Amino acid sequence: MFSSLCFISTLQSLAFSFLVHPMHVSVTEIEMDEKDKRLEIMMRVFADDLEITLRESLKQPEFDITKQSTPALDAIMKEYLAPRFKIVVDNKAVQSKYLGHELEGDAFIFYLEVPGVKKLKTIQIHNNIITEAFEDQSNLVHVTVRGTVRSLRLTKNVPTDKLTFDVK
């Protein structure tokens, strides 16, 4: 009886550990604002995953993301995102402008924009944030153009992909 209870307890512990294993994911939403001729970008990243990544990236094992001032964290994120998040619109590289961040629950939301985008037929997105720290990181990207939403799942092995929209 005791051995079967131990076996059941072990199975429950294993099942629970699989259930609580963290999922490493970010979600980026890009929306074409035709009126203001820009791409509006909102990137949601789990704070704990980002903190681990920045500790490694900055080579500061004691780095605490929650103790950073807004200007300090914005400067760090602007530098961190620049080589890891890139956009090409209609075969032309465009420069994203970092606007700021906010903390919402257990995630940071980063705001960026790409001004001067008059129309968008194709968009290529490179997003390999956090993949240096987590092999299983998935960066989901949802792009909205004229009410049509298309999505990508970018990973360490496939950090770049392209979407095409019907523009009339």
Protein backbone atom coordinates (compact mmCIF):
# COMPACT_ATOMS: atom_id res chain seq x y z
CA MET A 1 0.00 0.00 0.00
CA PHE A 2 2.76 2.46 1.00
CA SER A 3 4.78 1.77 -2.16
CA SER A 4 1.76 2.39 -4.40
CA LEU A 5 1.08 5.66 -2.55
CA CYS A 6 4.73 6.67 -3.08
CA PHE A 7 4.44 5.75 -6.75
CA ILE A 8 1.25 7.82 -7.10
CA SER A 9 2.85 10.70 -5.23
CA THR A 10 5.90 10.53 -7.51
CA LEU A 11 3.67 10.52 -10.59
CA GLN A 12 1.74 13.52 -9.25
CA SER A 13 4.99 15.38 -8.56
CA LEU A 14 6.26 14.67 -12.07
CA ALA A 15 2.97 15.74 -13.61
CA PHE A 16 2.95 18.91 -11.52
CA SER A 17 6.53 19.78 -12.50
CA PHE A 18 5.57 19.50 -16.16
CA LEU A 19 2.56 21.73 -15.56
CA VAL A 20 4.52 24.47 -13.79
CA HIS A 21 7.49 24.36 -16.16
CA PRO A 22 7.71 27.93 -17.44
CA MET A 23 6.76 28.70 -20.98
CA HIS A 24 9.14 31.16 -22.60
CA VAL A 25 7.15 33.40 -24.90
CA SER A 26 6.82 37.01 -25.94
CA VAL A 27 3.95 38.53 -27.89
CA THR A 28 4.46 41.45 -30.25
CA GLU A 29 1.58 43.28 -31.88
CA ILE A 30 2.27 45.47 -34.90
CA GLU A 31 -0.52 47.61 -36.30
CA MET A 32 -0.39 49.69 -39.47
CA ASP A 33 -1.79 53.16 -38.79
CA GLU A 34 -2.60 54.40 -42.29
CA LYS A 35 -3.84 57.79 -41.08
CA ASP A 36 -0.57 58.65 -39.32
CA LYS A 37 1.56 56.58 -41.72
CA ARG A 38 3.35 54.52 -39.09
CA LEU A 39 3.63 51.10 -37.55
CA GLU A 40 2.61 50.97 -33.90
CA ILE A 41 4.38 48.22 -31.98
CA MET A 42 3.60 46.76 -28.58
CA MET A 43 5.89 44.00 -27.26
CA ARG A 44 4.92 42.02 -24.15
CA VAL A 45 7.75 40.14 -22.37
CA PHE A 46 7.70 38.25 -19.07
CA ALA A 47 9.73 40.21 -16.52
CA ASP A 48 11.52 37.21 -15.01
CA ASP A 49 12.64 35.88 -18.40
CA LEU A 50 13.84 39.33 -19.41
CA GLU A 51 15.73 39.78 -16.15
CA ILE A 52 17.60 36.48 -16.60
CA THR A 53 18.44 37.44 -20.18
CA LEU A 54 19.67 40.90 -19.24
CA ARG A 55 21.79 39.52 -16.41
CA GLU A 56 23.63 37.42 -19.00
CA SER A 57 23.68 40.13 -21.67
CA LEU A 58 24.96 42.82 -19.31
CA LYS A 59 27.24 40.38 -17.46
CA GLN A 60 25.69 41.52 -14.18
CA PRO A 61 24.55 38.46 -12.17
CA GLU A 62 22.89 40.65 -9.52
CA PHE A 63 20.89 42.75 -12.02
CA ASP A 64 17.37 43.41 -10.69
CA ILE A 65 15.04 44.68 -13.38
CA THR A 66 12.47 45.97 -10.87
CA LYS A 67 15.03 48.30 -9.25
CA GLN A 68 15.90 50.13 -12.47
CA SER A 69 14.70 53.68 -12.95
CA THR A 70 12.49 54.28 -15.98
CA PRO A 71 15.22 56.14 -17.93
CA ALA A 72 17.83 53.48 -17.06
CA LEU A 73 15.63 50.57 -18.16
CA ASP A 74 14.58 52.43 -21.31
CA ALA A 75 18.24 52.96 -22.22
CA ILE A 76 19.05 49.30 -21.58
CA MET A 77 16.06 48.08 -23.60
CA LYS A 78 16.69 50.45 -26.49
CA GLU A 79 20.20 49.03 -26.80
CA TYR A 80 19.09 45.42 -26.21
CA LEU A 81 16.27 45.48 -28.78
CA ALA A 82 18.10 47.28 -31.61
CA PRO A 83 20.02 44.26 -32.96
CA ARG A 84 17.35 41.72 -31.97
CA PHE A 85 14.15 43.26 -33.34
CA LYS A 86 14.24 44.45 -36.94
CA ILE A 87 11.62 45.16 -39.58
CA VAL A 88 11.77 45.28 -43.37
CA VAL A 89 8.75 46.81 -45.15
CA ASP A 90 8.34 46.12 -48.87
CA ASN A 91 11.99 45.02 -49.10
CA LYS A 92 13.31 48.19 -47.40
CA ALA A 93 14.80 48.09 -43.91
CA VAL A 94 13.04 50.53 -41.61
CA GLN A 95 14.20 51.93 -38.30
CA SER A 96 12.00 51.39 -35.26
CA LYS A 97 11.90 54.11 -32.64
CA TYR A 98 11.82 53.02 -28.99
CA LEU A 99 9.13 54.99 -27.11
CA GLY A 100 9.08 53.52 -23.60
CA HIS A 101 7.70 50.80 -21.37
CA GLU A 102 5.31 49.95 -18.59
CA LEU A 103 5.03 47.05 -16.16
CA GLU A 104 1.70 45.23 -16.22
CA GLY A 105 1.43 42.35 -13.79
CA ASP A 106 4.34 39.98 -14.40
CA ALA A 107 5.16 41.36 -17.85
CA PHE A 108 6.77 44.42 -19.34
CA ILE A 109 5.17 46.09 -22.31
CA PHE A 110 7.56 47.92 -24.62
CA TYR A 111 6.31 50.48 -27.10
CA LEU A 112 7.98 51.21 -30.41
CA GLU A 113 6.96 52.80 -33.67
CA VAL A 114 8.14 52.99 -37.24
CA PRO A 115 7.23 56.39 -38.71
CA GLY A 116 6.93 57.12 -42.41
CA VAL A 117 5.25 53.90 -43.55
CA LYS A 118 2.76 54.95 -46.23
CA LYS A 119 1.66 51.48 -47.22
CA LEU A 120 2.58 47.92 -46.43
CA LYS A 121 2.34 44.96 -48.75
CA THR A 122 5.08 42.77 -47.24
CA ILE A 123 6.69 42.86 -43.83
CA GLN A 124 9.69 40.85 -42.75
CA ILE A 125 10.27 40.62 -39.03
CA HIS A 126 13.39 39.52 -37.20
CA ASN A 127 12.80 38.88 -33.50
CA ASN A 128 15.27 36.83 -31.50
CA ILE A 129 14.83 38.44 -28.10
CA ILE A 130 15.53 36.17 -25.12
CA THR A 131 16.64 33.28 -27.36
CA GLU A 132 20.18 33.61 -26.04
CA ALA A 133 18.94 32.63 -22.58
CA PHE A 134 16.14 30.18 -23.42
CA GLU A 135 16.39 27.62 -26.21
CA ASP A 136 12.61 27.12 -26.22
CA GLN A 137 11.76 30.84 -26.50
CA SER A 138 8.90 31.59 -28.91
CA ASN A 139 8.34 35.14 -30.09
CA LEU A 140 4.82 35.45 -31.41
CA VAL A 141 4.16 38.36 -33.76
CA HIS A 142 0.70 39.53 -34.84
CA VAL A 143 0.56 42.11 -37.64
CA THR A 144 -2.65 44.00 -38.44
CA VAL A 145 -3.11 45.82 -41.74
CA ARG A 146 -6.56 47.18 -42.69
CA GLY A 147 -8.25 44.86 -40.21
CA THR A 148 -6.46 41.74 -41.49
CA VAL A 149 -4.34 39.98 -38.88
CA ARG A 150 -1.51 37.64 -39.82
CA SER A 151 0.78 35.93 -37.33
CA LEU A 152 4.26 34.46 -37.05
CA ARG A 153 6.04 32.29 -34.51
CA LEU A 154 9.73 33.16 -34.43
CA THR A 155 12.26 31.00 -32.57
CA LYS A 156 15.99 30.64 -32.08
CA ASN A 157 16.18 28.44 -35.19
CA VAL A 158 13.79 30.60 -37.24
CA PRO A 159 14.23 34.20 -36.00
CA THR A 160 13.05 35.86 -39.23
CA ASP A 161 9.96 35.43 -41.39
CA LYS A 162 7.81 37.39 -43.80
CA LEU A 163 4.10 38.17 -44.20
CA THR A 164 2.25 39.41 -47.28
CA PHE A 165 -0.95 41.45 -47.27
CA ASP A 166 -3.37 42.06 -50.13
CA VAL A 167 -3.22 45.80 -50.77
CA LYS A 168 -5.79 47.23 -53.16
